[in-house]
Amino acid sequence: QRLRQQYEELWLSLSPTETADIPEAVRRMLASE
């Protein structure tokens, strides 16, 4: 349980990236999942 919690905390501590302002032309240059 401790190792799992520590692992999750490594990722939960990262804040979101704002990508809404990327122009549509640039979005076309990015690969989808």
ModelCIF file with pLDDT and N, C-alpha, C, O atoms, coordinates in Angstrom:
data_MODEL
#
_entry.id   MODEL 
#
_entity.id                         1 
_entity.type                       polymer 
_entity.pdbx_number_of_molecules   1 
#
_entity_poly.entity_id                      1 
_entity_poly.type                           'polypeptide(L)' 
_entity_poly.nstd_linkage                   no 
_entity_poly.nstd_monomer                   no 
_entity_poly.pdbx_seq_one_letter_code       QRLRQQYEELWLSLSPTETADIPEAVRRMLASE 
_entity_poly.pdbx_seq_one_letter_code_can   QRLRQQYEELWLSLSPTETADIPEAVRRMLASE 
_entity_poly.pdbx_strand_id                 A 
#
loop_
_entity_poly_seq.entity_id 
_entity_poly_seq.num 
_entity_poly_seq.mon_id 
_entity_poly_seq.hetero 
1 1  GLN n 
1 2  ARG n 
1 3  LEU n 
1 4  ARG n 
1 5  GLN n 
1 6  GLN n 
1 7  TYR n 
1 8  GLU n 
1 9  GLU n 
1 10 LEU n 
1 11 TRP n 
1 12 LEU n 
1 13 SER n 
1 14 LEU n 
1 15 SER n 
1 16 PRO n 
1 17 THR n 
1 18 GLU n 
1 19 THR n 
1 20 ALA n 
1 21 ASP n 
1 22 ILE n 
1 23 PRO n 
1 24 GLU n 
1 25 ALA n 
1 26 VAL n 
1 27 ARG n 
1 28 ARG n 
1 29 MET n 
1 30 LEU n 
1 31 ALA n 
1 32 SER n 
1 33 GLU n 
#
_struct_asym.id          A 
_struct_asym.entity_id   1 
#
loop_
_ma_qa_metric.id 
_ma_qa_metric.mode 
_ma_qa_metric.name 
_ma_qa_metric.software_group_id 
_ma_qa_metric.type 
1 global pLDDT . pLDDT 
2 local  pLDDT . pLDDT 
#
_ma_qa_metric_global.metric_id      1 
_ma_qa_metric_global.metric_value   71.03 
_ma_qa_metric_global.model_id       1 
_ma_qa_metric_global.ordinal_id     1 
#
loop_
_ma_qa_metric_local.label_asym_id 
_ma_qa_metric_local.label_comp_id 
_ma_qa_metric_local.label_seq_id 
_ma_qa_metric_local.metric_id 
_ma_qa_metric_local.metric_value 
_ma_qa_metric_local.model_id 
_ma_qa_metric_local.ordinal_id 
A GLN 1  2 92.00 1 1  
A ARG 2  2 93.00 1 2  
A LEU 3  2 93.00 1 3  
A ARG 4  2 92.00 1 4  
A GLN 5  2 92.00 1 5  
A GLN 6  2 92.00 1 6  
A TYR 7  2 92.00 1 7  
A GLU 8  2 90.00 1 8  
A GLU 9  2 89.00 1 9  
A LEU 10 2 87.00 1 10 
A TRP 11 2 86.00 1 11 
A LEU 12 2 81.00 1 12 
A SER 13 2 66.00 1 13 
A LEU 14 2 62.00 1 14 
A SER 15 2 49.00 1 15 
A PRO 16 2 48.00 1 16 
A THR 17 2 49.00 1 17 
A GLU 18 2 49.00 1 18 
A THR 19 2 48.00 1 19 
A ALA 20 2 48.00 1 20 
A ASP 21 2 56.00 1 21 
A ILE 22 2 61.00 1 22 
A PRO 23 2 63.00 1 23 
A GLU 24 2 67.00 1 24 
A ALA 25 2 64.00 1 25 
A VAL 26 2 68.00 1 26 
A ARG 27 2 69.00 1 27 
A ARG 28 2 70.00 1 28 
A MET 29 2 75.00 1 29 
A LEU 30 2 73.00 1 30 
A ALA 31 2 69.00 1 31 
A SER 32 2 62.00 1 32 
A GLU 33 2 49.00 1 33 
#
loop_
_atom_site.group_PDB 
_atom_site.id 
_atom_site.type_symbol 
_atom_site.label_atom_id 
_atom_site.label_alt_id 
_atom_site.label_comp_id 
_atom_site.label_asym_id 
_atom_site.label_entity_id 
_atom_site.label_seq_id 
_atom_site.pdbx_PDB_ins_code 
_atom_site.Cartn_x 
_atom_site.Cartn_y 
_atom_site.Cartn_z 
_atom_site.occupancy 
_atom_site.B_iso_or_equiv 
_atom_site.pdbx_formal_charge 
_atom_site.auth_seq_id 
_atom_site.auth_comp_id 
_atom_site.auth_asym_id 
_atom_site.auth_atom_id 
_atom_site.pdbx_PDB_model_num 
ATOM 1   N N  . GLN A 1 1  ? 0.831  -1.213 0.000   1.00 92.00 ? 1  GLN A N  1 
ATOM 2   C CA . GLN A 1 1  ? 0.000  0.000  0.000   1.00 92.00 ? 1  GLN A CA 1 
ATOM 3   C C  . GLN A 1 1  ? 0.860  1.256  0.000   1.00 92.00 ? 1  GLN A C  1 
ATOM 4   O O  . GLN A 1 1  ? 0.546  2.224  -0.692  1.00 92.00 ? 1  GLN A O  1 
ATOM 5   N N  . ARG A 1 2  ? 1.937  1.246  0.767   1.00 93.00 ? 2  ARG A N  1 
ATOM 6   C CA . ARG A 1 2  ? 2.811  2.415  0.834   1.00 93.00 ? 2  ARG A CA 1 
ATOM 7   C C  . ARG A 1 2  ? 3.502  2.680  -0.506  1.00 93.00 ? 2  ARG A C  1 
ATOM 8   O O  . ARG A 1 2  ? 3.577  3.823  -0.956  1.00 93.00 ? 2  ARG A O  1 
ATOM 9   N N  . LEU A 1 3  ? 4.002  1.618  -1.135  1.00 93.00 ? 3  LEU A N  1 
ATOM 10  C CA . LEU A 1 3  ? 4.673  1.790  -2.424  1.00 93.00 ? 3  LEU A CA 1 
ATOM 11  C C  . LEU A 1 3  ? 3.694  2.282  -3.487  1.00 93.00 ? 3  LEU A C  1 
ATOM 12  O O  . LEU A 1 3  ? 4.034  3.149  -4.292  1.00 93.00 ? 3  LEU A O  1 
ATOM 13  N N  . ARG A 1 4  ? 2.492  1.735  -3.491  1.00 92.00 ? 4  ARG A N  1 
ATOM 14  C CA . ARG A 1 4  ? 1.492  2.172  -4.459  1.00 92.00 ? 4  ARG A CA 1 
ATOM 15  C C  . ARG A 1 4  ? 1.128  3.643  -4.239  1.00 92.00 ? 4  ARG A C  1 
ATOM 16  O O  . ARG A 1 4  ? 0.991  4.401  -5.200  1.00 92.00 ? 4  ARG A O  1 
ATOM 17  N N  . GLN A 1 5  ? 0.973  4.039  -2.992  1.00 92.00 ? 5  GLN A N  1 
ATOM 18  C CA . GLN A 1 5  ? 0.634  5.428  -2.689  1.00 92.00 ? 5  GLN A CA 1 
ATOM 19  C C  . GLN A 1 5  ? 1.769  6.360  -3.103  1.00 92.00 ? 5  GLN A C  1 
ATOM 20  O O  . GLN A 1 5  ? 1.519  7.426  -3.666  1.00 92.00 ? 5  GLN A O  1 
ATOM 21  N N  . GLN A 1 6  ? 3.002  5.972  -2.831  1.00 92.00 ? 6  GLN A N  1 
ATOM 22  C CA . GLN A 1 6  ? 4.136  6.801  -3.231  1.00 92.00 ? 6  GLN A CA 1 
ATOM 23  C C  . GLN A 1 6  ? 4.204  6.950  -4.742  1.00 92.00 ? 6  GLN A C  1 
ATOM 24  O O  . GLN A 1 6  ? 4.501  8.029  -5.253  1.00 92.00 ? 6  GLN A O  1 
ATOM 25  N N  . TYR A 1 7  ? 3.925  5.859  -5.457  1.00 92.00 ? 7  TYR A N  1 
ATOM 26  C CA . TYR A 1 7  ? 3.966  5.919  -6.922  1.00 92.00 ? 7  TYR A CA 1 
ATOM 27  C C  . TYR A 1 7  ? 2.889  6.868  -7.438  1.00 92.00 ? 7  TYR A C  1 
ATOM 28  O O  . TYR A 1 7  ? 3.155  7.681  -8.324  1.00 92.00 ? 7  TYR A O  1 
ATOM 29  N N  . GLU A 1 8  ? 1.687  6.775  -6.899  1.00 90.00 ? 8  GLU A N  1 
ATOM 30  C CA . GLU A 1 8  ? 0.606  7.650  -7.349  1.00 90.00 ? 8  GLU A CA 1 
ATOM 31  C C  . GLU A 1 8  ? 0.915  9.109  -7.041  1.00 90.00 ? 8  GLU A C  1 
ATOM 32  O O  . GLU A 1 8  ? 0.581  9.997  -7.825  1.00 90.00 ? 8  GLU A O  1 
ATOM 33  N N  . GLU A 1 9  ? 1.551  9.355  -5.902  1.00 89.00 ? 9  GLU A N  1 
ATOM 34  C CA . GLU A 1 9  ? 1.891  10.735 -5.540  1.00 89.00 ? 9  GLU A CA 1 
ATOM 35  C C  . GLU A 1 9  ? 2.916  11.329 -6.501  1.00 89.00 ? 9  GLU A C  1 
ATOM 36  O O  . GLU A 1 9  ? 2.935  12.542 -6.710  1.00 89.00 ? 9  GLU A O  1 
ATOM 37  N N  . LEU A 1 10 ? 3.765  10.491 -7.088  1.00 87.00 ? 10 LEU A N  1 
ATOM 38  C CA . LEU A 1 10 ? 4.741  10.992 -8.059  1.00 87.00 ? 10 LEU A CA 1 
ATOM 39  C C  . LEU A 1 10 ? 4.049  11.635 -9.258  1.00 87.00 ? 10 LEU A C  1 
ATOM 40  O O  . LEU A 1 10 ? 4.581  12.565 -9.866  1.00 87.00 ? 10 LEU A O  1 
ATOM 41  N N  . TRP A 1 11 ? 2.862  11.134 -9.594  1.00 86.00 ? 11 TRP A N  1 
ATOM 42  C CA . TRP A 1 11 ? 2.149  11.654 -10.756 1.00 86.00 ? 11 TRP A CA 1 
ATOM 43  C C  . TRP A 1 11 ? 1.074  12.662 -10.377 1.00 86.00 ? 11 TRP A C  1 
ATOM 44  O O  . TRP A 1 11 ? 0.805  13.589 -11.141 1.00 86.00 ? 11 TRP A O  1 
ATOM 45  N N  . LEU A 1 12 ? 0.456  12.498 -9.215  1.00 81.00 ? 12 LEU A N  1 
ATOM 46  C CA . LEU A 1 12 ? -0.582 13.439 -8.807  1.00 81.00 ? 12 LEU A CA 1 
ATOM 47  C C  . LEU A 1 12 ? -0.015 14.823 -8.518  1.00 81.00 ? 12 LEU A C  1 
ATOM 48  O O  . LEU A 1 12 ? -0.747 15.812 -8.546  1.00 81.00 ? 12 LEU A O  1 
ATOM 49  N N  . SER A 1 13 ? 1.277  14.897 -8.243  1.00 66.00 ? 13 SER A N  1 
ATOM 50  C CA . SER A 1 13 ? 1.887  16.190 -7.923  1.00 66.00 ? 13 SER A CA 1 
ATOM 51  C C  . SER A 1 13 ? 2.116  17.043 -9.163  1.00 66.00 ? 13 SER A C  1 
ATOM 52  O O  . SER A 1 13 ? 2.523  18.199 -9.044  1.00 66.00 ? 13 SER A O  1 
ATOM 53  N N  . LEU A 1 14 ? 1.863  16.497 -10.351 1.00 62.00 ? 14 LEU A N  1 
ATOM 54  C CA . LEU A 1 14 ? 2.047  17.271 -11.579 1.00 62.00 ? 14 LEU A CA 1 
ATOM 55  C C  . LEU A 1 14 ? 0.768  18.025 -11.887 1.00 62.00 ? 14 LEU A C  1 
ATOM 56  O O  . LEU A 1 14 ? -0.325 17.468 -11.791 1.00 62.00 ? 14 LEU A O  1 
ATOM 57  N N  . SER A 1 15 ? 0.903  19.316 -12.264 1.00 49.00 ? 15 SER A N  1 
ATOM 58  C CA . SER A 1 15 ? -0.279 20.140 -12.553 1.00 49.00 ? 15 SER A CA 1 
ATOM 59  C C  . SER A 1 15 ? -0.641 20.058 -14.032 1.00 49.00 ? 15 SER A C  1 
ATOM 60  O O  . SER A 1 15 ? 0.215  19.729 -14.853 1.00 49.00 ? 15 SER A O  1 
ATOM 61  N N  . PRO A 1 16 ? -1.892 20.351 -14.391 1.00 48.00 ? 16 PRO A N  1 
ATOM 62  C CA . PRO A 1 16 ? -2.330 20.218 -15.785 1.00 48.00 ? 16 PRO A CA 1 
ATOM 63  C C  . PRO A 1 16 ? -1.672 21.228 -16.709 1.00 48.00 ? 16 PRO A C  1 
ATOM 64  O O  . PRO A 1 16 ? -1.294 22.325 -16.295 1.00 48.00 ? 16 PRO A O  1 
ATOM 65  N N  . THR A 1 17 ? -1.545 20.838 -17.956 1.00 49.00 ? 17 THR A N  1 
ATOM 66  C CA . THR A 1 17 ? -1.048 21.737 -18.991 1.00 49.00 ? 17 THR A CA 1 
ATOM 67  C C  . THR A 1 17 ? -2.217 22.323 -19.765 1.00 49.00 ? 17 THR A C  1 
ATOM 68  O O  . THR A 1 17 ? -3.139 21.607 -20.157 1.00 49.00 ? 17 THR A O  1 
ATOM 69  N N  . GLU A 1 18 ? -2.172 23.618 -19.980 1.00 49.00 ? 18 GLU A N  1 
ATOM 70  C CA . GLU A 1 18 ? -3.239 24.281 -20.732 1.00 49.00 ? 18 GLU A CA 1 
ATOM 71  C C  . GLU A 1 18 ? -2.890 24.249 -22.220 1.00 49.00 ? 18 GLU A C  1 
ATOM 72  O O  . GLU A 1 18 ? -1.886 24.824 -22.639 1.00 49.00 ? 18 GLU A O  1 
ATOM 73  N N  . THR A 1 19 ? -3.720 23.577 -23.014 1.00 48.00 ? 19 THR A N  1 
ATOM 74  C CA . THR A 1 19 ? -3.463 23.488 -24.452 1.00 48.00 ? 19 THR A CA 1 
ATOM 75  C C  . THR A 1 19 ? -4.602 24.085 -25.278 1.00 48.00 ? 19 THR A C  1 
ATOM 76  O O  . THR A 1 19 ? -4.627 23.953 -26.501 1.00 48.00 ? 19 THR A O  1 
ATOM 77  N N  . ALA A 1 20 ? -5.540 24.739 -24.601 1.00 48.00 ? 20 ALA A N  1 
ATOM 78  C CA . ALA A 1 20 ? -6.709 25.243 -25.320 1.00 48.00 ? 20 ALA A CA 1 
ATOM 79  C C  . ALA A 1 20 ? -6.353 26.368 -26.285 1.00 48.00 ? 20 ALA A C  1 
ATOM 80  O O  . ALA A 1 20 ? -7.055 26.570 -27.275 1.00 48.00 ? 20 ALA A O  1 
ATOM 81  N N  . ASP A 1 21 ? -5.262 27.113 -26.012 1.00 56.00 ? 21 ASP A N  1 
ATOM 82  C CA . ASP A 1 21 ? -4.919 28.260 -26.844 1.00 56.00 ? 21 ASP A CA 1 
ATOM 83  C C  . ASP A 1 21 ? -4.083 27.898 -28.050 1.00 56.00 ? 21 ASP A C  1 
ATOM 84  O O  . ASP A 1 21 ? -3.688 28.790 -28.802 1.00 56.00 ? 21 ASP A O  1 
ATOM 85  N N  . ILE A 1 22 ? -3.795 26.624 -28.266 1.00 61.00 ? 22 ILE A N  1 
ATOM 86  C CA . ILE A 1 22 ? -3.002 26.243 -29.421 1.00 61.00 ? 22 ILE A CA 1 
ATOM 87  C C  . ILE A 1 22 ? -3.839 26.435 -30.679 1.00 61.00 ? 22 ILE A C  1 
ATOM 88  O O  . ILE A 1 22 ? -4.966 25.943 -30.742 1.00 61.00 ? 22 ILE A O  1 
ATOM 89  N N  . PRO A 1 23 ? -3.321 27.132 -31.675 1.00 63.00 ? 23 PRO A N  1 
ATOM 90  C CA . PRO A 1 23 ? -4.096 27.353 -32.904 1.00 63.00 ? 23 PRO A CA 1 
ATOM 91  C C  . PRO A 1 23 ? -4.477 26.031 -33.562 1.00 63.00 ? 23 PRO A C  1 
ATOM 92  O O  . PRO A 1 23 ? -3.795 25.019 -33.404 1.00 63.00 ? 23 PRO A O  1 
ATOM 93  N N  . GLU A 1 24 ? -5.586 26.067 -34.305 1.00 67.00 ? 24 GLU A N  1 
ATOM 94  C CA . GLU A 1 24 ? -6.075 24.861 -34.965 1.00 67.00 ? 24 GLU A CA 1 
ATOM 95  C C  . GLU A 1 24 ? -5.050 24.313 -35.943 1.00 67.00 ? 24 GLU A C  1 
ATOM 96  O O  . GLU A 1 24 ? -4.921 23.099 -36.103 1.00 67.00 ? 24 GLU A O  1 
ATOM 97  N N  . ALA A 1 25 ? -4.317 25.217 -36.600 1.00 64.00 ? 25 ALA A N  1 
ATOM 98  C CA . ALA A 1 25 ? -3.295 24.756 -37.543 1.00 64.00 ? 25 ALA A CA 1 
ATOM 99  C C  . ALA A 1 25 ? -2.225 23.926 -36.847 1.00 64.00 ? 25 ALA A C  1 
ATOM 100 O O  . ALA A 1 25 ? -1.705 22.955 -37.397 1.00 64.00 ? 25 ALA A O  1 
ATOM 101 N N  . VAL A 1 26 ? -1.910 24.339 -35.617 1.00 68.00 ? 26 VAL A N  1 
ATOM 102 C CA . VAL A 1 26 ? -0.894 23.588 -34.870 1.00 68.00 ? 26 VAL A CA 1 
ATOM 103 C C  . VAL A 1 26 ? -1.466 22.250 -34.416 1.00 68.00 ? 26 VAL A C  1 
ATOM 104 O O  . VAL A 1 26 ? -0.758 21.243 -34.398 1.00 68.00 ? 26 VAL A O  1 
ATOM 105 N N  . ARG A 1 27 ? -2.745 22.237 -34.049 1.00 69.00 ? 27 ARG A N  1 
ATOM 106 C CA . ARG A 1 27 ? -3.356 20.975 -33.633 1.00 69.00 ? 27 ARG A CA 1 
ATOM 107 C C  . ARG A 1 27 ? -3.264 19.926 -34.742 1.00 69.00 ? 27 ARG A C  1 
ATOM 108 O O  . ARG A 1 27 ? -3.124 18.733 -34.473 1.00 69.00 ? 27 ARG A O  1 
ATOM 109 N N  . ARG A 1 28 ? -3.343 20.383 -35.973 1.00 70.00 ? 28 ARG A N  1 
ATOM 110 C CA . ARG A 1 28 ? -3.259 19.447 -37.092 1.00 70.00 ? 28 ARG A CA 1 
ATOM 111 C C  . ARG A 1 28 ? -1.867 18.839 -37.216 1.00 70.00 ? 28 ARG A C  1 
ATOM 112 O O  . ARG A 1 28 ? -1.689 17.813 -37.872 1.00 70.00 ? 28 ARG A O  1 
ATOM 113 N N  . MET A 1 29 ? -0.897 19.465 -36.594 1.00 75.00 ? 29 MET A N  1 
ATOM 114 C CA . MET A 1 29 ? 0.471  18.940 -36.668 1.00 75.00 ? 29 MET A CA 1 
ATOM 115 C C  . MET A 1 29 ? 0.764  17.921 -35.577 1.00 75.00 ? 29 MET A C  1 
ATOM 116 O O  . MET A 1 29 ? 1.834  17.312 -35.565 1.00 75.00 ? 29 MET A O  1 
ATOM 117 N N  . LEU A 1 30 ? -0.181 17.731 -34.662 1.00 73.00 ? 30 LEU A N  1 
ATOM 118 C CA . LEU A 1 30 ? 0.053  16.849 -33.525 1.00 73.00 ? 30 LEU A CA 1 
ATOM 119 C C  . LEU A 1 30 ? -0.618 15.512 -33.768 1.00 73.00 ? 30 LEU A C  1 
ATOM 120 O O  . LEU A 1 30 ? -1.721 15.438 -34.308 1.00 73.00 ? 30 LEU A O  1 
ATOM 121 N N  . ALA A 1 31 ? 0.064  14.465 -33.362 1.00 69.00 ? 31 ALA A N  1 
ATOM 122 C CA . ALA A 1 31 ? -0.487 13.118 -33.532 1.00 69.00 ? 31 ALA A CA 1 
ATOM 123 C C  . ALA A 1 31 ? -1.549 12.867 -32.478 1.00 69.00 ? 31 ALA A C  1 
ATOM 124 O O  . ALA A 1 31 ? -1.401 13.281 -31.328 1.00 69.00 ? 31 ALA A O  1 
ATOM 125 N N  . SER A 1 32 ? -2.619 12.188 -32.869 1.00 62.00 ? 32 SER A N  1 
ATOM 126 C CA . SER A 1 32 ? -3.622 11.777 -31.890 1.00 62.00 ? 32 SER A CA 1 
ATOM 127 C C  . SER A 1 32 ? -3.137 10.544 -31.166 1.00 62.00 ? 32 SER A C  1 
ATOM 128 O O  . SER A 1 32 ? -2.123 9.946  -31.526 1.00 62.00 ? 32 SER A O  1 
ATOM 129 N N  . GLU A 1 33 ? -3.906 10.162 -30.103 1.00 49.00 ? 33 GLU A N  1 
ATOM 130 C CA . GLU A 1 33 ? -3.524 8.960  -29.351 1.00 49.00 ? 33 GLU A CA 1 
ATOM 131 C C  . GLU A 1 33 ? -3.614 7.734  -30.250 1.00 49.00 ? 33 GLU A C  1 
ATOM 132 O O  . GLU A 1 33 ? -3.333 6.621  -29.805 1.00 49.00 ? 33 GLU A O  1 
#
